[in-house]
Every structure is written in structure tokens, then in C-alpha cells.
ModelCIF file with pLDDT and N, C-alpha, C, O atoms, coordinates in Angstrom:
data_MODEL
#
_entry.id   MODEL 
#
_entity.id                         1 
_entity.type                       polymer 
_entity.pdbx_number_of_molecules   1 
#
_entity_poly.entity_id                      1 
_entity_poly.type                           'polypeptide(L)' 
_entity_poly.nstd_linkage                   no 
_entity_poly.nstd_monomer                   no 
_entity_poly.pdbx_seq_one_letter_code       AAAISRNGGITYFADSVKGRFTISRDNAKNTVYLQMNSLKPE 
_entity_poly.pdbx_seq_one_letter_code_can   AAAISRNGGITYFADSVKGRFTISRDNAKNTVYLQMNSLKPE 
_entity_poly.pdbx_strand_id                 A 
#
loop_
_entity_poly_seq.entity_id 
_entity_poly_seq.num 
_entity_poly_seq.mon_id 
_entity_poly_seq.hetero 
1 1  ALA n 
1 2  ALA n 
1 3  ALA n 
1 4  ILE n 
1 5  SER n 
1 6  ARG n 
1 7  ASN n 
1 8  GLY n 
1 9  GLY n 
1 10 ILE n 
1 11 THR n 
1 12 TYR n 
1 13 PHE n 
1 14 ALA n 
1 15 ASP n 
1 16 SER n 
1 17 VAL n 
1 18 LYS n 
1 19 GLY n 
1 20 ARG n 
1 21 PHE n 
1 22 THR n 
1 23 ILE n 
1 24 SER n 
1 25 ARG n 
1 26 ASP n 
1 27 ASN n 
1 28 ALA n 
1 29 LYS n 
1 30 ASN n 
1 31 THR n 
1 32 VAL n 
1 33 TYR n 
1 34 LEU n 
1 35 GLN n 
1 36 MET n 
1 37 ASN n 
1 38 SER n 
1 39 LEU n 
1 40 LYS n 
1 41 PRO n 
1 42 GLU n 
#
_struct_asym.id          A 
_struct_asym.entity_id   1 
#
loop_
_ma_qa_metric.id 
_ma_qa_metric.mode 
_ma_qa_metric.name 
_ma_qa_metric.software_group_id 
_ma_qa_metric.type 
1 global pLDDT . pLDDT 
2 local  pLDDT . pLDDT 
#
_ma_qa_metric_global.metric_id      1 
_ma_qa_metric_global.metric_value   97.17 
_ma_qa_metric_global.model_id       1 
_ma_qa_metric_global.ordinal_id     1 
#
loop_
_ma_qa_metric_local.label_asym_id 
_ma_qa_metric_local.label_comp_id 
_ma_qa_metric_local.label_seq_id 
_ma_qa_metric_local.metric_id 
_ma_qa_metric_local.metric_value 
_ma_qa_metric_local.model_id 
_ma_qa_metric_local.ordinal_id 
A ALA 1  2 98.00 1 1  
A ALA 2  2 98.00 1 2  
A ALA 3  2 98.00 1 3  
A ILE 4  2 98.00 1 4  
A SER 5  2 96.00 1 5  
A ARG 6  2 94.00 1 6  
A ASN 7  2 93.00 1 7  
A GLY 8  2 95.00 1 8  
A GLY 9  2 95.00 1 9  
A ILE 10 2 96.00 1 10 
A THR 11 2 97.00 1 11 
A TYR 12 2 98.00 1 12 
A PHE 13 2 98.00 1 13 
A ALA 14 2 98.00 1 14 
A ASP 15 2 98.00 1 15 
A SER 16 2 97.00 1 16 
A VAL 17 2 98.00 1 17 
A LYS 18 2 98.00 1 18 
A GLY 19 2 98.00 1 19 
A ARG 20 2 98.00 1 20 
A PHE 21 2 98.00 1 21 
A THR 22 2 98.00 1 22 
A ILE 23 2 98.00 1 23 
A SER 24 2 98.00 1 24 
A ARG 25 2 98.00 1 25 
A ASP 26 2 97.00 1 26 
A ASN 27 2 95.00 1 27 
A ALA 28 2 94.00 1 28 
A LYS 29 2 96.00 1 29 
A ASN 30 2 97.00 1 30 
A THR 31 2 97.00 1 31 
A VAL 32 2 98.00 1 32 
A TYR 33 2 98.00 1 33 
A LEU 34 2 98.00 1 34 
A GLN 35 2 98.00 1 35 
A MET 36 2 98.00 1 36 
A ASN 37 2 98.00 1 37 
A SER 38 2 98.00 1 38 
A LEU 39 2 98.00 1 39 
A LYS 40 2 98.00 1 40 
A PRO 41 2 97.00 1 41 
A GLU 42 2 97.00 1 42 
#
loop_
_atom_site.group_PDB 
_atom_site.id 
_atom_site.type_symbol 
_atom_site.label_atom_id 
_atom_site.label_alt_id 
_atom_site.label_comp_id 
_atom_site.label_asym_id 
_atom_site.label_entity_id 
_atom_site.label_seq_id 
_atom_site.pdbx_PDB_ins_code 
_atom_site.Cartn_x 
_atom_site.Cartn_y 
_atom_site.Cartn_z 
_atom_site.occupancy 
_atom_site.B_iso_or_equiv 
_atom_site.pdbx_formal_charge 
_atom_site.auth_seq_id 
_atom_site.auth_comp_id 
_atom_site.auth_asym_id 
_atom_site.auth_atom_id 
_atom_site.pdbx_PDB_model_num 
ATOM 1   N N  . ALA A 1 1  ? 57.481 58.444 179.249 1.00 98.00 ? 1  ALA A N  1 
ATOM 2   C CA . ALA A 1 1  ? 56.590 59.856 179.468 1.00 98.00 ? 1  ALA A CA 1 
ATOM 3   C C  . ALA A 1 1  ? 56.397 59.526 177.808 1.00 98.00 ? 1  ALA A C  1 
ATOM 4   O O  . ALA A 1 1  ? 55.515 58.783 177.379 1.00 98.00 ? 1  ALA A O  1 
ATOM 5   N N  . ALA A 1 2  ? 57.050 59.985 177.256 1.00 98.00 ? 2  ALA A N  1 
ATOM 6   C CA . ALA A 1 2  ? 56.861 60.431 175.818 1.00 98.00 ? 2  ALA A CA 1 
ATOM 7   C C  . ALA A 1 2  ? 56.745 59.856 174.400 1.00 98.00 ? 2  ALA A C  1 
ATOM 8   O O  . ALA A 1 2  ? 55.557 59.626 174.177 1.00 98.00 ? 2  ALA A O  1 
ATOM 9   N N  . ALA A 1 3  ? 57.445 59.569 173.463 1.00 98.00 ? 3  ALA A N  1 
ATOM 10  C CA . ALA A 1 3  ? 57.921 59.847 172.717 1.00 98.00 ? 3  ALA A CA 1 
ATOM 11  C C  . ALA A 1 3  ? 57.400 59.405 170.690 1.00 98.00 ? 3  ALA A C  1 
ATOM 12  O O  . ALA A 1 3  ? 56.561 58.624 170.243 1.00 98.00 ? 3  ALA A O  1 
ATOM 13  N N  . ILE A 1 4  ? 58.081 60.059 170.208 1.00 98.00 ? 4  ILE A N  1 
ATOM 14  C CA . ILE A 1 4  ? 57.939 61.151 168.746 1.00 98.00 ? 4  ILE A CA 1 
ATOM 15  C C  . ILE A 1 4  ? 57.895 59.663 167.422 1.00 98.00 ? 4  ILE A C  1 
ATOM 16  O O  . ILE A 1 4  ? 57.571 58.520 167.744 1.00 98.00 ? 4  ILE A O  1 
ATOM 17  N N  . SER A 1 5  ? 58.121 59.895 166.613 1.00 96.00 ? 5  SER A N  1 
ATOM 18  C CA . SER A 1 5  ? 58.655 58.915 165.963 1.00 96.00 ? 5  SER A CA 1 
ATOM 19  C C  . SER A 1 5  ? 59.173 60.269 165.228 1.00 96.00 ? 5  SER A C  1 
ATOM 20  O O  . SER A 1 5  ? 58.973 61.483 165.255 1.00 96.00 ? 5  SER A O  1 
ATOM 21  N N  . ARG A 1 6  ? 60.171 59.043 164.378 1.00 94.00 ? 6  ARG A N  1 
ATOM 22  C CA . ARG A 1 6  ? 61.626 59.903 163.169 1.00 94.00 ? 6  ARG A CA 1 
ATOM 23  C C  . ARG A 1 6  ? 60.612 61.614 162.800 1.00 94.00 ? 6  ARG A C  1 
ATOM 24  O O  . ARG A 1 6  ? 60.787 62.339 163.779 1.00 94.00 ? 6  ARG A O  1 
ATOM 25  N N  . ASN A 1 7  ? 59.740 62.300 161.778 1.00 93.00 ? 7  ASN A N  1 
ATOM 26  C CA . ASN A 1 7  ? 59.842 61.817 161.398 1.00 93.00 ? 7  ASN A CA 1 
ATOM 27  C C  . ASN A 1 7  ? 57.857 63.341 161.694 1.00 93.00 ? 7  ASN A C  1 
ATOM 28  O O  . ASN A 1 7  ? 57.066 63.913 160.944 1.00 93.00 ? 7  ASN A O  1 
ATOM 29  N N  . GLY A 1 8  ? 58.095 63.224 163.250 1.00 95.00 ? 8  GLY A N  1 
ATOM 30  C CA . GLY A 1 8  ? 57.260 63.978 163.914 1.00 95.00 ? 8  GLY A CA 1 
ATOM 31  C C  . GLY A 1 8  ? 55.932 63.639 163.673 1.00 95.00 ? 8  GLY A C  1 
ATOM 32  O O  . GLY A 1 8  ? 55.147 64.547 163.947 1.00 95.00 ? 8  GLY A O  1 
ATOM 33  N N  . GLY A 1 9  ? 55.200 62.124 163.042 1.00 95.00 ? 9  GLY A N  1 
ATOM 34  C CA . GLY A 1 9  ? 54.009 62.898 162.437 1.00 95.00 ? 9  GLY A CA 1 
ATOM 35  C C  . GLY A 1 9  ? 53.336 61.482 163.197 1.00 95.00 ? 9  GLY A C  1 
ATOM 36  O O  . GLY A 1 9  ? 52.372 60.926 162.670 1.00 95.00 ? 9  GLY A O  1 
ATOM 37  N N  . ILE A 1 10 ? 53.920 60.978 164.439 1.00 96.00 ? 10 ILE A N  1 
ATOM 38  C CA . ILE A 1 10 ? 53.105 59.694 165.811 1.00 96.00 ? 10 ILE A CA 1 
ATOM 39  C C  . ILE A 1 10 ? 53.770 60.520 167.013 1.00 96.00 ? 10 ILE A C  1 
ATOM 40  O O  . ILE A 1 10 ? 54.872 61.061 167.091 1.00 96.00 ? 10 ILE A O  1 
ATOM 41  N N  . THR A 1 11 ? 52.822 60.434 167.822 1.00 97.00 ? 11 THR A N  1 
ATOM 42  C CA . THR A 1 11 ? 54.018 60.979 169.335 1.00 97.00 ? 11 THR A CA 1 
ATOM 43  C C  . THR A 1 11 ? 52.443 59.637 170.196 1.00 97.00 ? 11 THR A C  1 
ATOM 44  O O  . THR A 1 11 ? 51.263 59.359 169.982 1.00 97.00 ? 11 THR A O  1 
ATOM 45  N N  . TYR A 1 12 ? 53.899 59.143 171.451 1.00 98.00 ? 12 TYR A N  1 
ATOM 46  C CA . TYR A 1 12 ? 52.498 58.517 171.955 1.00 98.00 ? 12 TYR A CA 1 
ATOM 47  C C  . TYR A 1 12 ? 53.071 58.511 173.519 1.00 98.00 ? 12 TYR A C  1 
ATOM 48  O O  . TYR A 1 12 ? 54.234 58.355 173.889 1.00 98.00 ? 12 TYR A O  1 
ATOM 49  N N  . PHE A 1 13 ? 51.852 58.734 174.328 1.00 98.00 ? 13 PHE A N  1 
ATOM 50  C CA . PHE A 1 13 ? 52.239 59.027 175.676 1.00 98.00 ? 13 PHE A CA 1 
ATOM 51  C C  . PHE A 1 13 ? 51.113 58.407 176.864 1.00 98.00 ? 13 PHE A C  1 
ATOM 52  O O  . PHE A 1 13 ? 49.912 58.136 176.895 1.00 98.00 ? 13 PHE A O  1 
ATOM 53  N N  . ALA A 1 14 ? 52.525 58.355 177.997 1.00 98.00 ? 14 ALA A N  1 
ATOM 54  C CA . ALA A 1 14 ? 52.159 57.453 178.970 1.00 98.00 ? 14 ALA A CA 1 
ATOM 55  C C  . ALA A 1 14 ? 51.480 58.310 179.986 1.00 98.00 ? 14 ALA A C  1 
ATOM 56  O O  . ALA A 1 14 ? 51.972 59.331 180.465 1.00 98.00 ? 14 ALA A O  1 
ATOM 57  N N  . ASP A 1 15 ? 49.781 57.587 180.405 1.00 98.00 ? 15 ASP A N  1 
ATOM 58  C CA . ASP A 1 15 ? 48.288 57.857 180.380 1.00 98.00 ? 15 ASP A CA 1 
ATOM 59  C C  . ASP A 1 15 ? 48.875 59.080 181.573 1.00 98.00 ? 15 ASP A C  1 
ATOM 60  O O  . ASP A 1 15 ? 48.474 60.241 181.654 1.00 98.00 ? 15 ASP A O  1 
ATOM 61  N N  . SER A 1 16 ? 49.839 58.473 182.357 1.00 97.00 ? 16 SER A N  1 
ATOM 62  C CA . SER A 1 16 ? 50.271 60.367 183.955 1.00 97.00 ? 16 SER A CA 1 
ATOM 63  C C  . SER A 1 16 ? 50.503 61.310 183.109 1.00 97.00 ? 16 SER A C  1 
ATOM 64  O O  . SER A 1 16 ? 50.962 62.321 183.641 1.00 97.00 ? 16 SER A O  1 
ATOM 65  N N  . VAL A 1 17 ? 50.357 61.367 181.964 1.00 98.00 ? 17 VAL A N  1 
ATOM 66  C CA . VAL A 1 17 ? 50.866 63.171 181.412 1.00 98.00 ? 17 VAL A CA 1 
ATOM 67  C C  . VAL A 1 17 ? 50.513 63.113 179.816 1.00 98.00 ? 17 VAL A C  1 
ATOM 68  O O  . VAL A 1 17 ? 51.256 63.670 179.008 1.00 98.00 ? 17 VAL A O  1 
ATOM 69  N N  . LYS A 1 18 ? 48.930 62.162 179.264 1.00 98.00 ? 18 LYS A N  1 
ATOM 70  C CA . LYS A 1 18 ? 48.734 63.063 179.523 1.00 98.00 ? 18 LYS A CA 1 
ATOM 71  C C  . LYS A 1 18 ? 47.082 63.296 178.950 1.00 98.00 ? 18 LYS A C  1 
ATOM 72  O O  . LYS A 1 18 ? 46.140 62.513 179.072 1.00 98.00 ? 18 LYS A O  1 
ATOM 73  N N  . GLY A 1 19 ? 47.106 64.788 178.225 1.00 98.00 ? 19 GLY A N  1 
ATOM 74  C CA . GLY A 1 19 ? 46.734 65.992 177.432 1.00 98.00 ? 19 GLY A CA 1 
ATOM 75  C C  . GLY A 1 19 ? 47.412 67.396 178.639 1.00 98.00 ? 19 GLY A C  1 
ATOM 76  O O  . GLY A 1 19 ? 46.749 68.366 179.004 1.00 98.00 ? 19 GLY A O  1 
ATOM 77  N N  . ARG A 1 20 ? 49.326 66.994 179.171 1.00 98.00 ? 20 ARG A N  1 
ATOM 78  C CA . ARG A 1 20 ? 49.225 67.728 179.563 1.00 98.00 ? 20 ARG A CA 1 
ATOM 79  C C  . ARG A 1 20 ? 50.881 68.198 179.692 1.00 98.00 ? 20 ARG A C  1 
ATOM 80  O O  . ARG A 1 20 ? 51.446 68.843 180.575 1.00 98.00 ? 20 ARG A O  1 
ATOM 81  N N  . PHE A 1 21 ? 51.374 67.625 178.497 1.00 98.00 ? 21 PHE A N  1 
ATOM 82  C CA . PHE A 1 21 ? 52.485 67.788 178.295 1.00 98.00 ? 21 PHE A CA 1 
ATOM 83  C C  . PHE A 1 21 ? 52.272 67.101 176.485 1.00 98.00 ? 21 PHE A C  1 
ATOM 84  O O  . PHE A 1 21 ? 51.351 66.313 176.267 1.00 98.00 ? 21 PHE A O  1 
ATOM 85  N N  . THR A 1 22 ? 53.318 67.570 175.245 1.00 98.00 ? 22 THR A N  1 
ATOM 86  C CA . THR A 1 22 ? 53.566 67.518 174.627 1.00 98.00 ? 22 THR A CA 1 
ATOM 87  C C  . THR A 1 22 ? 55.201 66.881 173.615 1.00 98.00 ? 22 THR A C  1 
ATOM 88  O O  . THR A 1 22 ? 56.313 66.621 174.073 1.00 98.00 ? 22 THR A O  1 
ATOM 89  N N  . ILE A 1 23 ? 54.868 66.833 172.644 1.00 98.00 ? 23 ILE A N  1 
ATOM 90  C CA . ILE A 1 23 ? 56.283 65.869 172.784 1.00 98.00 ? 23 ILE A CA 1 
ATOM 91  C C  . ILE A 1 23 ? 56.190 66.855 171.418 1.00 98.00 ? 23 ILE A C  1 
ATOM 92  O O  . ILE A 1 23 ? 55.114 67.360 171.099 1.00 98.00 ? 23 ILE A O  1 
ATOM 93  N N  . SER A 1 24 ? 58.145 67.209 170.193 1.00 98.00 ? 24 SER A N  1 
ATOM 94  C CA . SER A 1 24 ? 57.618 67.121 168.831 1.00 98.00 ? 24 SER A CA 1 
ATOM 95  C C  . SER A 1 24 ? 59.637 67.617 168.760 1.00 98.00 ? 24 SER A C  1 
ATOM 96  O O  . SER A 1 24 ? 60.681 67.723 169.403 1.00 98.00 ? 24 SER A O  1 
ATOM 97  N N  . ARG A 1 25 ? 59.063 67.734 167.607 1.00 98.00 ? 25 ARG A N  1 
ATOM 98  C CA . ARG A 1 25 ? 61.116 67.802 167.426 1.00 98.00 ? 25 ARG A CA 1 
ATOM 99  C C  . ARG A 1 25 ? 61.726 69.044 165.928 1.00 98.00 ? 25 ARG A C  1 
ATOM 100 O O  . ARG A 1 25 ? 60.736 69.221 165.219 1.00 98.00 ? 25 ARG A O  1 
ATOM 101 N N  . ASP A 1 26 ? 62.405 69.484 165.611 1.00 97.00 ? 26 ASP A N  1 
ATOM 102 C CA . ASP A 1 26 ? 62.855 69.732 164.778 1.00 97.00 ? 26 ASP A CA 1 
ATOM 103 C C  . ASP A 1 26 ? 64.133 69.215 164.808 1.00 97.00 ? 26 ASP A C  1 
ATOM 104 O O  . ASP A 1 26 ? 65.093 69.339 165.568 1.00 97.00 ? 26 ASP A O  1 
ATOM 105 N N  . ASN A 1 27 ? 63.728 68.116 162.983 1.00 95.00 ? 27 ASN A N  1 
ATOM 106 C CA . ASN A 1 27 ? 65.342 68.361 162.267 1.00 95.00 ? 27 ASN A CA 1 
ATOM 107 C C  . ASN A 1 27 ? 66.250 68.678 161.911 1.00 95.00 ? 27 ASN A C  1 
ATOM 108 O O  . ASN A 1 27 ? 67.374 68.195 162.044 1.00 95.00 ? 27 ASN A O  1 
ATOM 109 N N  . ALA A 1 28 ? 65.771 69.859 161.212 1.00 94.00 ? 28 ALA A N  1 
ATOM 110 C CA . ALA A 1 28 ? 66.844 70.656 161.227 1.00 94.00 ? 28 ALA A CA 1 
ATOM 111 C C  . ALA A 1 28 ? 67.109 71.207 162.493 1.00 94.00 ? 28 ALA A C  1 
ATOM 112 O O  . ALA A 1 28 ? 67.828 72.163 162.203 1.00 94.00 ? 28 ALA A O  1 
ATOM 113 N N  . LYS A 1 29 ? 67.026 71.205 163.283 1.00 96.00 ? 29 LYS A N  1 
ATOM 114 C CA . LYS A 1 29 ? 68.099 71.747 164.599 1.00 96.00 ? 29 LYS A CA 1 
ATOM 115 C C  . LYS A 1 29 ? 68.943 70.827 165.937 1.00 96.00 ? 29 LYS A C  1 
ATOM 116 O O  . LYS A 1 29 ? 69.654 71.087 166.907 1.00 96.00 ? 29 LYS A O  1 
ATOM 117 N N  . ASN A 1 30 ? 68.277 69.494 165.195 1.00 97.00 ? 30 ASN A N  1 
ATOM 118 C CA . ASN A 1 30 ? 68.454 68.034 165.459 1.00 97.00 ? 30 ASN A CA 1 
ATOM 119 C C  . ASN A 1 30 ? 68.040 68.258 167.345 1.00 97.00 ? 30 ASN A C  1 
ATOM 120 O O  . ASN A 1 30 ? 68.861 68.099 168.248 1.00 97.00 ? 30 ASN A O  1 
ATOM 121 N N  . THR A 1 31 ? 67.302 68.455 167.438 1.00 97.00 ? 31 THR A N  1 
ATOM 122 C CA . THR A 1 31 ? 66.672 68.647 168.299 1.00 97.00 ? 31 THR A CA 1 
ATOM 123 C C  . THR A 1 31 ? 64.927 68.105 169.122 1.00 97.00 ? 31 THR A C  1 
ATOM 124 O O  . THR A 1 31 ? 64.166 67.506 168.362 1.00 97.00 ? 31 THR A O  1 
ATOM 125 N N  . VAL A 1 32 ? 64.667 68.238 169.903 1.00 98.00 ? 32 VAL A N  1 
ATOM 126 C CA . VAL A 1 32 ? 63.326 67.413 170.587 1.00 98.00 ? 32 VAL A CA 1 
ATOM 127 C C  . VAL A 1 32 ? 62.871 67.715 172.264 1.00 98.00 ? 32 VAL A C  1 
ATOM 128 O O  . VAL A 1 32 ? 63.355 67.509 173.377 1.00 98.00 ? 32 VAL A O  1 
ATOM 129 N N  . TYR A 1 33 ? 62.180 68.060 171.938 1.00 98.00 ? 33 TYR A N  1 
ATOM 130 C CA . TYR A 1 33 ? 61.734 69.147 173.389 1.00 98.00 ? 33 TYR A CA 1 
ATOM 131 C C  . TYR A 1 33 ? 60.260 67.523 173.791 1.00 98.00 ? 33 TYR A C  1 
ATOM 132 O O  . TYR A 1 33 ? 59.924 66.405 173.402 1.00 98.00 ? 33 TYR A O  1 
ATOM 133 N N  . LEU A 1 34 ? 59.897 68.697 174.898 1.00 98.00 ? 34 LEU A N  1 
ATOM 134 C CA . LEU A 1 34 ? 59.061 68.296 175.882 1.00 98.00 ? 34 LEU A CA 1 
ATOM 135 C C  . LEU A 1 34 ? 58.562 69.941 176.596 1.00 98.00 ? 34 LEU A C  1 
ATOM 136 O O  . LEU A 1 34 ? 59.040 70.798 177.339 1.00 98.00 ? 34 LEU A O  1 
ATOM 137 N N  . GLN A 1 35 ? 57.089 69.640 175.679 1.00 98.00 ? 35 GLN A N  1 
ATOM 138 C CA . GLN A 1 35 ? 57.041 70.944 176.218 1.00 98.00 ? 35 GLN A CA 1 
ATOM 139 C C  . GLN A 1 35 ? 55.266 70.223 177.839 1.00 98.00 ? 35 GLN A C  1 
ATOM 140 O O  . GLN A 1 35 ? 54.163 69.784 177.514 1.00 98.00 ? 35 GLN A O  1 
ATOM 141 N N  . MET A 1 36 ? 55.621 70.358 178.819 1.00 98.00 ? 36 MET A N  1 
ATOM 142 C CA . MET A 1 36 ? 55.510 69.934 180.393 1.00 98.00 ? 36 MET A CA 1 
ATOM 143 C C  . MET A 1 36 ? 54.298 71.040 180.422 1.00 98.00 ? 36 MET A C  1 
ATOM 144 O O  . MET A 1 36 ? 54.330 71.720 179.396 1.00 98.00 ? 36 MET A O  1 
ATOM 145 N N  . ASN A 1 37 ? 52.960 71.502 181.549 1.00 98.00 ? 37 ASN A N  1 
ATOM 146 C CA . ASN A 1 37 ? 52.345 72.002 181.264 1.00 98.00 ? 37 ASN A CA 1 
ATOM 147 C C  . ASN A 1 37 ? 51.587 71.653 182.843 1.00 98.00 ? 37 ASN A C  1 
ATOM 148 O O  . ASN A 1 37 ? 52.433 71.200 183.614 1.00 98.00 ? 37 ASN A O  1 
ATOM 149 N N  . SER A 1 38 ? 50.538 71.739 183.315 1.00 98.00 ? 38 SER A N  1 
ATOM 150 C CA . SER A 1 38 ? 50.324 71.073 185.031 1.00 98.00 ? 38 SER A CA 1 
ATOM 151 C C  . SER A 1 38 ? 50.598 70.329 185.698 1.00 98.00 ? 38 SER A C  1 
ATOM 152 O O  . SER A 1 38 ? 50.147 69.353 186.297 1.00 98.00 ? 38 SER A O  1 
ATOM 153 N N  . LEU A 1 39 ? 52.201 71.371 185.439 1.00 98.00 ? 39 LEU A N  1 
ATOM 154 C CA . LEU A 1 39 ? 53.124 70.754 186.503 1.00 98.00 ? 39 LEU A CA 1 
ATOM 155 C C  . LEU A 1 39 ? 52.528 70.231 187.420 1.00 98.00 ? 39 LEU A C  1 
ATOM 156 O O  . LEU A 1 39 ? 51.602 70.911 187.862 1.00 98.00 ? 39 LEU A O  1 
ATOM 157 N N  . LYS A 1 40 ? 52.878 68.222 188.405 1.00 98.00 ? 40 LYS A N  1 
ATOM 158 C CA . LYS A 1 40 ? 52.346 68.377 190.017 1.00 98.00 ? 40 LYS A CA 1 
ATOM 159 C C  . LYS A 1 40 ? 53.336 68.519 190.722 1.00 98.00 ? 40 LYS A C  1 
ATOM 160 O O  . LYS A 1 40 ? 54.110 69.471 190.620 1.00 98.00 ? 40 LYS A O  1 
ATOM 161 N N  . PRO A 1 41 ? 53.460 67.447 191.654 1.00 97.00 ? 41 PRO A N  1 
ATOM 162 C CA . PRO A 1 41 ? 54.718 67.280 192.474 1.00 97.00 ? 41 PRO A CA 1 
ATOM 163 C C  . PRO A 1 41 ? 55.234 66.413 192.274 1.00 97.00 ? 41 PRO A C  1 
ATOM 164 O O  . PRO A 1 41 ? 56.441 66.169 192.255 1.00 97.00 ? 41 PRO A O  1 
ATOM 165 N N  . GLU A 1 42 ? 53.698 65.357 191.956 1.00 97.00 ? 42 GLU A N  1 
ATOM 166 C CA . GLU A 1 42 ? 54.233 63.175 190.920 1.00 97.00 ? 42 GLU A CA 1 
ATOM 167 C C  . GLU A 1 42 ? 55.343 63.989 190.081 1.00 97.00 ? 42 GLU A C  1 
ATOM 168 O O  . GLU A 1 42 ? 56.057 63.401 189.269 1.00 97.00 ? 42 GLU A O  1 
#
């Protein structure tokens, strides 16, 4: 679905989610996020 580089500077998305999903990370919190908008049944 999505990937993010270790410093967060590079992201990459599958075509099926591009424009709807975003990926981010907070290295201080050891956490990565996937924000999913305009969700579809698929």
C-alpha cells in the first residue's frame, strides 16, 4: 500500500491508494501512520 524512508523524506504509494492515503512517521515516538481518506469497499 505505502512505504516511507527512514527519515520520512521519501514516500511511495501503490496506484490503488495514491491520492487517498498518506504515510508519515514520528521517529521520536517510534510510530508510523497511515492516513486513509475517501475509503472504498475494495
